Amino acid sequence: LFLDFIVSLVGGDVKGSCQADQETCRVDVDFPDGVDQCVKLNGTISDN
């Protein structure tokens, strides 16, 4: 299995993925100036 996730923030979405052997899933984001630095996440687990 593997995990695909989306980080939603003001100004656009950032996609990330995570394999089963990874301990932590992470992704870098950039917030536009003058906006709330908040995110929302959703994702999907799939097989081949």
All heavy atoms as atom14 arrays in JSON, in Angstrom:
{
  "sequence": "LFLDFIVSLVGGDVKGSCQADQETCRVDVDFPDGVDQCVKLNGTISDN",
  "atom14_mask": [
    [1, 1, 1, 1, 1, 1, 1, 1, 0, 0, 0, 0, 0, 0],
    [1, 1, 1, 1, 1, 1, 1, 1, 1, 1, 1, 0, 0, 0],
    [1, 1, 1, 1, 1, 1, 1, 1, 0, 0, 0, 0, 0, 0],
    [1, 1, 1, 1, 1, 1, 1, 1, 0, 0, 0, 0, 0, 0],
    [1, 1, 1, 1, 1, 1, 1, 1, 1, 1, 1, 0, 0, 0],
    [1, 1, 1, 1, 1, 1, 1, 1, 0, 0, 0, 0, 0, 0],
    [1, 1, 1, 1, 1, 1, 1, 0, 0, 0, 0, 0, 0, 0],
    [1, 1, 1, 1, 1, 1, 0, 0, 0, 0, 0, 0, 0, 0],
    [1, 1, 1, 1, 1, 1, 1, 1, 0, 0, 0, 0, 0, 0],
    [1, 1, 1, 1, 1, 1, 1, 0, 0, 0, 0, 0, 0, 0],
    [1, 1, 1, 1, 0, 0, 0, 0, 0, 0, 0, 0, 0, 0],
    [1, 1, 1, 1, 0, 0, 0, 0, 0, 0, 0, 0, 0, 0],
    [1, 1, 1, 1, 1, 1, 1, 1, 0, 0, 0, 0, 0, 0],
    [1, 1, 1, 1, 1, 1, 1, 0, 0, 0, 0, 0, 0, 0],
    [1, 1, 1, 1, 1, 1, 1, 1, 1, 0, 0, 0, 0, 0],
    [1, 1, 1, 1, 0, 0, 0, 0, 0, 0, 0, 0, 0, 0],
    [1, 1, 1, 1, 1, 1, 0, 0, 0, 0, 0, 0, 0, 0],
    [1, 1, 1, 1, 1, 1, 0, 0, 0, 0, 0, 0, 0, 0],
    [1, 1, 1, 1, 1, 1, 1, 1, 1, 0, 0, 0, 0, 0],
    [1, 1, 1, 1, 1, 0, 0, 0, 0, 0, 0, 0, 0, 0],
    [1, 1, 1, 1, 1, 1, 1, 1, 0, 0, 0, 0, 0, 0],
    [1, 1, 1, 1, 1, 1, 1, 1, 1, 0, 0, 0, 0, 0],
    [1, 1, 1, 1, 1, 1, 1, 1, 1, 0, 0, 0, 0, 0],
    [1, 1, 1, 1, 1, 1, 1, 0, 0, 0, 0, 0, 0, 0],
    [1, 1, 1, 1, 1, 1, 0, 0, 0, 0, 0, 0, 0, 0],
    [1, 1, 1, 1, 1, 1, 1, 1, 1, 1, 1, 0, 0, 0],
    [1, 1, 1, 1, 1, 1, 1, 0, 0, 0, 0, 0, 0, 0],
    [1, 1, 1, 1, 1, 1, 1, 1, 0, 0, 0, 0, 0, 0],
    [1, 1, 1, 1, 1, 1, 1, 0, 0, 0, 0, 0, 0, 0],
    [1, 1, 1, 1, 1, 1, 1, 1, 0, 0, 0, 0, 0, 0],
    [1, 1, 1, 1, 1, 1, 1, 1, 1, 1, 1, 0, 0, 0],
    [1, 1, 1, 1, 1, 1, 1, 0, 0, 0, 0, 0, 0, 0],
    [1, 1, 1, 1, 1, 1, 1, 1, 0, 0, 0, 0, 0, 0],
    [1, 1, 1, 1, 0, 0, 0, 0, 0, 0, 0, 0, 0, 0],
    [1, 1, 1, 1, 1, 1, 1, 0, 0, 0, 0, 0, 0, 0],
    [1, 1, 1, 1, 1, 1, 1, 1, 0, 0, 0, 0, 0, 0],
    [1, 1, 1, 1, 1, 1, 1, 1, 1, 0, 0, 0, 0, 0],
    [1, 1, 1, 1, 1, 1, 0, 0, 0, 0, 0, 0, 0, 0],
    [1, 1, 1, 1, 1, 1, 1, 0, 0, 0, 0, 0, 0, 0],
    [1, 1, 1, 1, 1, 1, 1, 1, 1, 0, 0, 0, 0, 0],
    [1, 1, 1, 1, 1, 1, 1, 1, 0, 0, 0, 0, 0, 0],
    [1, 1, 1, 1, 1, 1, 1, 1, 0, 0, 0, 0, 0, 0],
    [1, 1, 1, 1, 0, 0, 0, 0, 0, 0, 0, 0, 0, 0],
    [1, 1, 1, 1, 1, 1, 1, 0, 0, 0, 0, 0, 0, 0],
    [1, 1, 1, 1, 1, 1, 1, 1, 0, 0, 0, 0, 0, 0],
    [1, 1, 1, 1, 1, 1, 0, 0, 0, 0, 0, 0, 0, 0],
    [1, 1, 1, 1, 1, 1, 1, 1, 0, 0, 0, 0, 0, 0],
    [1, 1, 1, 1, 1, 1, 1, 1, 0, 0, 0, 0, 0, 0]
  ],
  "atom14_positions": [
    [[0.83, -1.2, 0.0], [0.0, 0.0, 0.0], [0.87, 1.25, 0.0], [2.03, 1.23, 0.41], [-0.91, 0.02, 1.23], [-1.84, -1.18, 1.42], [-2.66, -1.01, 2.7], [-2.76, -1.36, 0.22], [0.0, 0.0, 0.0], [0.0, 0.0, 0.0], [0.0, 0.0, 0.0], [0.0, 0.0, 0.0], [0.0, 0.0, 0.0], [0.0, 0.0, 0.0]],
    [[0.29, 2.35, -0.42], [0.95, 3.66, -0.35], [-0.11, 4.72, -0.11], [-1.32, 4.49, -0.31], [1.75, 3.95, -1.63], [0.95, 3.86, -2.89], [0.31, 4.99, -3.39], [0.82, 2.66, -3.58], [-0.43, 4.91, -4.55], [0.08, 2.58, -4.74], [-0.55, 3.7, -5.24], [0.0, 0.0, 0.0], [0.0, 0.0, 0.0], [0.0, 0.0, 0.0]],
    [[0.34, 5.89, 0.32], [-0.55, 6.97, 0.71], [-0.28, 8.19, -0.16], [0.86, 8.63, -0.29], [-0.34, 7.34, 2.19], [-1.01, 8.61, 2.69], [-2.53, 8.49, 2.64], [-0.55, 8.93, 4.11], [0.0, 0.0, 0.0], [0.0, 0.0, 0.0], [0.0, 0.0, 0.0], [0.0, 0.0, 0.0], [0.0, 0.0, 0.0], [0.0, 0.0, 0.0]],
    [[-1.34, 8.73, -0.76], [-1.3, 10.01, -1.45], [-2.11, 11.02, -0.63], [-3.25, 10.73, -0.25], [-1.9, 9.91, -2.86], [-1.06, 9.03, -3.78], [0.18, 9.1, -3.68], [-1.64, 8.26, -4.58], [0.0, 0.0, 0.0], [0.0, 0.0, 0.0], [0.0, 0.0, 0.0], [0.0, 0.0, 0.0], [0.0, 0.0, 0.0], [0.0, 0.0, 0.0]],
    [[-1.52, 12.19, -0.38], [-2.22, 13.18, 0.44], [-2.07, 14.56, -0.2], [-1.15, 14.82, -1.01], [-1.71, 13.2, 1.88], [-0.26, 13.53, 2.03], [0.16, 14.83, 2.26], [0.7, 12.53, 1.95], [1.5, 15.14, 2.4], [2.04, 12.81, 2.11], [2.45, 14.12, 2.33], [0.0, 0.0, 0.0], [0.0, 0.0, 0.0], [0.0, 0.0, 0.0]],
    [[-3.0, 15.45, 0.15], [-3.04, 16.81, -0.37], [-3.09, 17.77, 0.8], [-3.91, 17.63, 1.71], [-4.26, 17.01, -1.28], [-4.2, 16.07, -2.49], [-4.36, 18.46, -1.74], [-5.43, 16.14, -3.38], [0.0, 0.0, 0.0], [0.0, 0.0, 0.0], [0.0, 0.0, 0.0], [0.0, 0.0, 0.0], [0.0, 0.0, 0.0], [0.0, 0.0, 0.0]],
    [[-2.19, 18.77, 0.76], [-2.17, 19.83, 1.75], [-2.8, 21.06, 1.13], [-2.29, 21.62, 0.15], [-0.73, 20.15, 2.21], [-0.72, 21.25, 3.25], [-0.06, 18.89, 2.75], [0.0, 0.0, 0.0], [0.0, 0.0, 0.0], [0.0, 0.0, 0.0], [0.0, 0.0, 0.0], [0.0, 0.0, 0.0], [0.0, 0.0, 0.0], [0.0, 0.0, 0.0]],
    [[-3.94, 21.47, 1.68], [-4.67, 22.62, 1.15], [-4.35, 23.85, 1.99], [-4.47, 23.83, 3.21], [-6.18, 22.36, 1.15], [-6.49, 21.21, 0.39], [0.0, 0.0, 0.0], [0.0, 0.0, 0.0], [0.0, 0.0, 0.0], [0.0, 0.0, 0.0], [0.0, 0.0, 0.0], [0.0, 0.0, 0.0], [0.0, 0.0, 0.0], [0.0, 0.0, 0.0]],
    [[-3.96, 24.95, 1.33], [-3.67, 26.21, 1.99], [-4.1, 27.35, 1.09], [-4.43, 27.14, -0.09], [-2.19, 26.33, 2.33], [-1.19, 26.37, 1.18], [0.09, 27.02, 1.64], [-0.87, 24.96, 0.69], [0.0, 0.0, 0.0], [0.0, 0.0, 0.0], [0.0, 0.0, 0.0], [0.0, 0.0, 0.0], [0.0, 0.0, 0.0], [0.0, 0.0, 0.0]],
    [[-4.12, 28.55, 1.63], [-4.5, 29.71, 0.84], [-3.48, 29.9, -0.28], [-2.28, 29.99, -0.04], [-4.57, 30.97, 1.73], [-4.92, 32.19, 0.89], [-5.6, 30.77, 2.84], [0.0, 0.0, 0.0], [0.0, 0.0, 0.0], [0.0, 0.0, 0.0], [0.0, 0.0, 0.0], [0.0, 0.0, 0.0], [0.0, 0.0, 0.0], [0.0, 0.0, 0.0]],
    [[-3.97, 29.94, -1.5], [-3.08, 30.12, -2.65], [-2.82, 28.86, -3.44], [-2.12, 28.9, -4.45], [0.0, 0.0, 0.0], [0.0, 0.0, 0.0], [0.0, 0.0, 0.0], [0.0, 0.0, 0.0], [0.0, 0.0, 0.0], [0.0, 0.0, 0.0], [0.0, 0.0, 0.0], [0.0, 0.0, 0.0], [0.0, 0.0, 0.0], [0.0, 0.0, 0.0]],
    [[-3.37, 27.72, -2.98], [-3.19, 26.5, -3.77], [-2.98, 25.28, -2.9], [-2.95, 25.35, -1.66], [0.0, 0.0, 0.0], [0.0, 0.0, 0.0], [0.0, 0.0, 0.0], [0.0, 0.0, 0.0], [0.0, 0.0, 0.0], [0.0, 0.0, 0.0], [0.0, 0.0, 0.0], [0.0, 0.0, 0.0], [0.0, 0.0, 0.0], [0.0, 0.0, 0.0]],
    [[-2.86, 24.12, -3.54], [-2.68, 22.84, -2.88], [-1.28, 22.3, -3.15], [-0.68, 22.56, -4.21], [-3.71, 21.82, -3.38], [-5.14, 22.22, -3.02], [-5.29, 23.04, -2.08], [-6.08, 21.74, -3.68], [0.0, 0.0, 0.0], [0.0, 0.0, 0.0], [0.0, 0.0, 0.0], [0.0, 0.0, 0.0], [0.0, 0.0, 0.0], [0.0, 0.0, 0.0]],
    [[-0.77, 21.55, -2.2], [0.53, 20.89, -2.32], [0.3, 19.39, -2.16], [-0.3, 18.95, -1.17], [1.53, 21.41, -1.27], [2.86, 20.68, -1.39], [1.73, 22.92, -1.42], [0.0, 0.0, 0.0], [0.0, 0.0, 0.0], [0.0, 0.0, 0.0], [0.0, 0.0, 0.0], [0.0, 0.0, 0.0], [0.0, 0.0, 0.0], [0.0, 0.0, 0.0]],
    [[0.76, 18.61, -3.13], [0.58, 17.16, -3.09], [1.83, 16.49, -2.51], [2.95, 16.96, -2.68], [0.3, 16.62, -4.49], [-1.0, 17.11, -5.08], [-1.24, 16.48, -6.46], [-2.57, 16.93, -7.06], [-2.83, 16.32, -8.39], [0.0, 0.0, 0.0], [0.0, 0.0, 0.0], [0.0, 0.0, 0.0], [0.0, 0.0, 0.0], [0.0, 0.0, 0.0]],
    [[1.58, 15.39, -1.83], [2.66, 14.59, -1.28], [2.29, 13.13, -1.29], [1.13, 12.75, -1.47], [0.0, 0.0, 0.0], [0.0, 0.0, 0.0], [0.0, 0.0, 0.0], [0.0, 0.0, 0.0], [0.0, 0.0, 0.0], [0.0, 0.0, 0.0], [0.0, 0.0, 0.0], [0.0, 0.0, 0.0], [0.0, 0.0, 0.0], [0.0, 0.0, 0.0]],
    [[3.28, 12.28, -1.11], [3.07, 10.83, -1.09], [3.96, 10.23, -0.02], [4.98, 10.82, 0.4], [3.35, 10.2, -2.44], [4.71, 10.4, -2.8], [0.0, 0.0, 0.0], [0.0, 0.0, 0.0], [0.0, 0.0, 0.0], [0.0, 0.0, 0.0], [0.0, 0.0, 0.0], [0.0, 0.0, 0.0], [0.0, 0.0, 0.0], [0.0, 0.0, 0.0]],
    [[3.59, 9.03, 0.43], [4.32, 8.36, 1.51], [4.26, 6.86, 1.28], [3.18, 6.31, 1.03], [3.68, 8.73, 2.85], [4.75, 8.47, 4.27], [0.0, 0.0, 0.0], [0.0, 0.0, 0.0], [0.0, 0.0, 0.0], [0.0, 0.0, 0.0], [0.0, 0.0, 0.0], [0.0, 0.0, 0.0], [0.0, 0.0, 0.0], [0.0, 0.0, 0.0]],
    [[5.43, 6.22, 1.35], [5.51, 4.78, 1.18], [5.38, 4.08, 2.54], [5.5, 4.69, 3.6], [6.83, 4.39, 0.51], [7.06, 5.05, -0.83], [6.0, 4.67, -1.85], [5.55, 3.52, -1.91], [5.58, 5.63, -2.68], [0.0, 0.0, 0.0], [0.0, 0.0, 0.0], [0.0, 0.0, 0.0], [0.0, 0.0, 0.0], [0.0, 0.0, 0.0]],
    [[5.15, 2.79, 2.47], [4.9, 2.03, 3.69], [6.13, 1.95, 4.6], [6.0, 1.76, 5.81], [4.41, 0.63, 3.35], [0.0, 0.0, 0.0], [0.0, 0.0, 0.0], [0.0, 0.0, 0.0], [0.0, 0.0, 0.0], [0.0, 0.0, 0.0], [0.0, 0.0, 0.0], [0.0, 0.0, 0.0], [0.0, 0.0, 0.0], [0.0, 0.0, 0.0]],
    [[7.34, 2.08, 4.04], [8.54, 1.95, 4.85], [8.98, 3.26, 5.5], [9.96, 3.3, 6.23], [9.69, 1.41, 4.0], [9.98, 2.3, 2.79], [9.15, 3.18, 2.5], [11.03, 2.1, 2.15], [0.0, 0.0, 0.0], [0.0, 0.0, 0.0], [0.0, 0.0, 0.0], [0.0, 0.0, 0.0], [0.0, 0.0, 0.0], [0.0, 0.0, 0.0]],
    [[8.27, 4.36, 5.26], [8.62, 5.65, 5.85], [7.98, 5.79, 7.23], [6.8, 5.47, 7.42], [8.17, 6.8, 4.96], [8.88, 6.87, 3.62], [8.36, 8.02, 2.77], [7.82, 7.82, 1.68], [8.51, 9.24, 3.28], [0.0, 0.0, 0.0], [0.0, 0.0, 0.0], [0.0, 0.0, 0.0], [0.0, 0.0, 0.0], [0.0, 0.0, 0.0]],
    [[8.76, 6.28, 8.18], [8.26, 6.48, 9.53], [7.35, 7.7, 9.6], [6.31, 7.68, 10.29], [9.43, 6.64, 10.5], [9.03, 6.73, 11.95], [8.58, 5.4, 12.52], [8.88, 4.36, 11.9], [7.92, 5.41, 13.58], [0.0, 0.0, 0.0], [0.0, 0.0, 0.0], [0.0, 0.0, 0.0], [0.0, 0.0, 0.0], [0.0, 0.0, 0.0]],
    [[7.72, 8.77, 8.92], [6.98, 10.03, 8.97], [6.75, 10.54, 7.56], [7.64, 10.46, 6.71], [7.76, 11.09, 9.77], [8.03, 10.58, 11.08], [6.97, 12.38, 9.9], [0.0, 0.0, 0.0], [0.0, 0.0, 0.0], [0.0, 0.0, 0.0], [0.0, 0.0, 0.0], [0.0, 0.0, 0.0], [0.0, 0.0, 0.0], [0.0, 0.0, 0.0]],
    [[5.56, 11.05, 7.33], [5.23, 11.67, 6.04], [5.38, 13.18, 6.2], [4.91, 13.76, 7.19], [3.81, 11.32, 5.62], [3.48, 9.54, 5.54], [0.0, 0.0, 0.0], [0.0, 0.0, 0.0], [0.0, 0.0, 0.0], [0.0, 0.0, 0.0], [0.0, 0.0, 0.0], [0.0, 0.0, 0.0], [0.0, 0.0, 0.0], [0.0, 0.0, 0.0]],
    [[6.01, 13.84, 5.21], [6.25, 15.28, 5.32], [6.3, 15.94, 3.95], [6.57, 15.27, 2.94], [7.55, 15.54, 6.07], [8.79, 14.99, 5.38], [10.0, 15.1, 6.29], [9.84, 14.26, 7.45], [10.64, 14.29, 8.51], [11.63, 15.17, 8.55], [10.45, 13.49, 9.52], [0.0, 0.0, 0.0], [0.0, 0.0, 0.0], [0.0, 0.0, 0.0]],
    [[6.05, 17.26, 3.96], [6.12, 18.05, 2.75], [6.35, 19.5, 3.14], [5.89, 19.95, 4.21], [4.81, 17.9, 1.91], [3.63, 18.51, 2.64], [4.98, 18.5, 0.53], [0.0, 0.0, 0.0], [0.0, 0.0, 0.0], [0.0, 0.0, 0.0], [0.0, 0.0, 0.0], [0.0, 0.0, 0.0], [0.0, 0.0, 0.0], [0.0, 0.0, 0.0]],
    [[7.1, 20.24, 2.31], [7.36, 21.66, 2.54], [6.29, 22.5, 1.85], [5.85, 22.19, 0.74], [8.73, 22.06, 2.0], [9.85, 21.38, 2.76], [9.62, 20.98, 3.91], [10.95, 21.23, 2.19], [0.0, 0.0, 0.0], [0.0, 0.0, 0.0], [0.0, 0.0, 0.0], [0.0, 0.0, 0.0], [0.0, 0.0, 0.0], [0.0, 0.0, 0.0]],
    [[5.88, 23.59, 2.53], [4.88, 24.5, 1.96], [5.37, 25.93, 2.13], [6.2, 26.22, 3.0], [3.5, 24.33, 2.65], [2.94, 22.93, 2.42], [3.59, 24.62, 4.15], [0.0, 0.0, 0.0], [0.0, 0.0, 0.0], [0.0, 0.0, 0.0], [0.0, 0.0, 0.0], [0.0, 0.0, 0.0], [0.0, 0.0, 0.0], [0.0, 0.0, 0.0]],
    [[4.85, 26.83, 1.29], [5.15, 28.26, 1.36], [3.84, 29.02, 1.48], [2.94, 28.87, 0.63], [5.9, 28.71, 0.1], [7.29, 28.11, 0.02], [7.92, 27.97, 1.09], [7.73, 27.78, -1.1], [0.0, 0.0, 0.0], [0.0, 0.0, 0.0], [0.0, 0.0, 0.0], [0.0, 0.0, 0.0], [0.0, 0.0, 0.0], [0.0, 0.0, 0.0]],
    [[3.72, 29.83, 2.52], [2.52, 30.63, 2.72], [2.7, 32.0, 2.08], [3.76, 32.62, 2.25], [2.22, 30.79, 4.22], [1.83, 29.53, 4.9], [2.73, 28.82, 5.68], [0.54, 29.04, 4.78], [2.36, 27.66, 6.33], [0.14, 27.87, 5.42], [1.06, 27.18, 6.19], [0.0, 0.0, 0.0], [0.0, 0.0, 0.0], [0.0, 0.0, 0.0]],
    [[1.7, 32.48, 1.4], [1.78, 33.86, 0.88], [1.82, 34.86, 2.03], [1.38, 34.57, 3.14], [0.5, 34.01, 0.04], [0.05, 32.61, -0.24], [0.48, 31.79, 0.93], [0.0, 0.0, 0.0], [0.0, 0.0, 0.0], [0.0, 0.0, 0.0], [0.0, 0.0, 0.0], [0.0, 0.0, 0.0], [0.0, 0.0, 0.0], [0.0, 0.0, 0.0]],
    [[2.34, 36.02, 1.77], [2.41, 37.06, 2.79], [1.02, 37.59, 3.13], [0.16, 37.75, 2.25], [3.29, 38.22, 2.31], [4.74, 37.8, 2.11], [5.15, 36.83, 2.78], [5.44, 38.45, 1.3], [0.0, 0.0, 0.0], [0.0, 0.0, 0.0], [0.0, 0.0, 0.0], [0.0, 0.0, 0.0], [0.0, 0.0, 0.0], [0.0, 0.0, 0.0]],
    [[0.81, 37.82, 4.42], [-0.42, 38.44, 4.87], [-1.61, 37.52, 4.97], [-2.75, 38.0, 5.02], [0.0, 0.0, 0.0], [0.0, 0.0, 0.0], [0.0, 0.0, 0.0], [0.0, 0.0, 0.0], [0.0, 0.0, 0.0], [0.0, 0.0, 0.0], [0.0, 0.0, 0.0], [0.0, 0.0, 0.0], [0.0, 0.0, 0.0], [0.0, 0.0, 0.0]],
    [[-1.41, 36.2, 4.97], [-2.53, 35.26, 5.08], [-2.3, 34.39, 6.32], [-1.2, 34.31, 6.87], [-2.65, 34.36, 3.83], [-2.87, 35.22, 2.6], [-1.42, 33.49, 3.66], [0.0, 0.0, 0.0], [0.0, 0.0, 0.0], [0.0, 0.0, 0.0], [0.0, 0.0, 0.0], [0.0, 0.0, 0.0], [0.0, 0.0, 0.0], [0.0, 0.0, 0.0]],
    [[-3.39, 33.75, 6.76], [-3.28, 32.82, 7.88], [-2.45, 31.61, 7.48], [-2.69, 31.0, 6.42], [-4.67, 32.37, 8.33], [-5.48, 33.51, 8.93], [-4.85, 34.48, 9.42], [-6.73, 33.45, 8.92], [0.0, 0.0, 0.0], [0.0, 0.0, 0.0], [0.0, 0.0, 0.0], [0.0, 0.0, 0.0], [0.0, 0.0, 0.0], [0.0, 0.0, 0.0]],
    [[-1.51, 31.27, 8.3], [-0.62, 30.14, 8.01], [-1.23, 28.85, 8.55], [-0.77, 28.26, 9.52], [0.77, 30.39, 8.61], [1.46, 31.61, 8.0], [2.81, 31.88, 8.6], [3.08, 31.53, 9.75], [3.69, 32.5, 7.84], [0.0, 0.0, 0.0], [0.0, 0.0, 0.0], [0.0, 0.0, 0.0], [0.0, 0.0, 0.0], [0.0, 0.0, 0.0]],
    [[-2.29, 28.42, 7.87], [-3.04, 27.23, 8.27], [-3.21, 26.3, 7.07], [-3.23, 26.76, 5.92], [-4.42, 27.6, 8.82], [-4.38, 28.7, 10.27], [0.0, 0.0, 0.0], [0.0, 0.0, 0.0], [0.0, 0.0, 0.0], [0.0, 0.0, 0.0], [0.0, 0.0, 0.0], [0.0, 0.0, 0.0], [0.0, 0.0, 0.0], [0.0, 0.0, 0.0]],
    [[-3.34, 25.0, 7.36], [-3.49, 24.0, 6.29], [-4.59, 23.03, 6.67], [-4.97, 22.89, 7.84], [-2.17, 23.24, 6.06], [-1.07, 24.19, 5.61], [-1.75, 22.47, 7.3], [0.0, 0.0, 0.0], [0.0, 0.0, 0.0], [0.0, 0.0, 0.0], [0.0, 0.0, 0.0], [0.0, 0.0, 0.0], [0.0, 0.0, 0.0], [0.0, 0.0, 0.0]],
    [[-5.12, 22.34, 5.65], [-6.03, 21.21, 5.81], [-5.47, 20.04, 5.01], [-4.89, 20.24, 3.94], [-7.44, 21.55, 5.32], [-8.14, 22.64, 6.1], [-9.53, 22.88, 5.52], [-10.26, 23.98, 6.27], [-11.62, 24.24, 5.7], [0.0, 0.0, 0.0], [0.0, 0.0, 0.0], [0.0, 0.0, 0.0], [0.0, 0.0, 0.0], [0.0, 0.0, 0.0]],
    [[-5.66, 18.83, 5.52], [-5.14, 17.64, 4.84], [-6.24, 16.63, 4.59], [-7.15, 16.45, 5.42], [-4.03, 16.98, 5.67], [-2.61, 17.56, 5.55], [-2.49, 18.83, 6.36], [-1.58, 16.54, 5.99], [0.0, 0.0, 0.0], [0.0, 0.0, 0.0], [0.0, 0.0, 0.0], [0.0, 0.0, 0.0], [0.0, 0.0, 0.0], [0.0, 0.0, 0.0]],
    [[-6.16, 15.99, 3.45], [-6.94, 14.79, 3.18], [-6.08, 13.86, 2.32], [-5.04, 14.27, 1.81], [-8.29, 15.08, 2.5], [-8.12, 15.85, 1.21], [-7.05, 15.81, 0.56], [-9.15, 16.56, 0.8], [0.0, 0.0, 0.0], [0.0, 0.0, 0.0], [0.0, 0.0, 0.0], [0.0, 0.0, 0.0], [0.0, 0.0, 0.0], [0.0, 0.0, 0.0]],
    [[-6.49, 12.62, 2.2], [-5.65, 11.68, 1.48], [-6.38, 10.38, 1.17], [-7.52, 10.16, 1.59], [0.0, 0.0, 0.0], [0.0, 0.0, 0.0], [0.0, 0.0, 0.0], [0.0, 0.0, 0.0], [0.0, 0.0, 0.0], [0.0, 0.0, 0.0], [0.0, 0.0, 0.0], [0.0, 0.0, 0.0], [0.0, 0.0, 0.0], [0.0, 0.0, 0.0]],
    [[-5.68, 9.51, 0.45], [-6.24, 8.24, 0.02], [-5.17, 7.15, 0.09], [-4.02, 7.38, -0.32], [-6.78, 8.33, -1.42], [-7.75, 9.38, -1.51], [-7.42, 7.03, -1.85], [0.0, 0.0, 0.0], [0.0, 0.0, 0.0], [0.0, 0.0, 0.0], [0.0, 0.0, 0.0], [0.0, 0.0, 0.0], [0.0, 0.0, 0.0], [0.0, 0.0, 0.0]],
    [[-5.54, 6.0, 0.61], [-4.67, 4.83, 0.61], [-5.09, 3.94, -0.55], [-6.28, 3.66, -0.75], [-4.75, 4.07, 1.94], [-4.1, 4.89, 3.05], [-4.1, 2.7, 1.85], [-4.2, 4.26, 4.4], [0.0, 0.0, 0.0], [0.0, 0.0, 0.0], [0.0, 0.0, 0.0], [0.0, 0.0, 0.0], [0.0, 0.0, 0.0], [0.0, 0.0, 0.0]],
    [[-4.11, 3.47, -1.32], [-4.4, 2.65, -2.5], [-3.39, 1.51, -2.59], [-2.32, 1.54, -1.95], [-4.34, 3.49, -3.79], [-5.2, 4.61, -3.71], [0.0, 0.0, 0.0], [0.0, 0.0, 0.0], [0.0, 0.0, 0.0], [0.0, 0.0, 0.0], [0.0, 0.0, 0.0], [0.0, 0.0, 0.0], [0.0, 0.0, 0.0], [0.0, 0.0, 0.0]],
    [[-3.75, 0.52, -3.39], [-2.82, -0.54, -3.73], [-2.44, -0.39, -5.2], [-2.75, 0.62, -5.84], [-3.42, -1.91, -3.43], [-4.68, -2.18, -4.26], [-5.16, -1.23, -4.94], [-5.18, -3.32, -4.25], [0.0, 0.0, 0.0], [0.0, 0.0, 0.0], [0.0, 0.0, 0.0], [0.0, 0.0, 0.0], [0.0, 0.0, 0.0], [0.0, 0.0, 0.0]],
    [[-1.76, -1.37, -5.75], [-1.35, -1.28, -7.15], [-2.52, -1.23, -8.11], [-2.4, -0.74, -9.23], [-0.44, -2.46, -7.49], [0.89, -2.39, -6.75], [1.37, -1.29, -6.45], [1.46, -3.54, -6.43], [0.0, 0.0, 0.0], [0.0, 0.0, 0.0], [0.0, 0.0, 0.0], [0.0, 0.0, 0.0], [0.0, 0.0, 0.0], [0.0, 0.0, 0.0]]
  ]
}
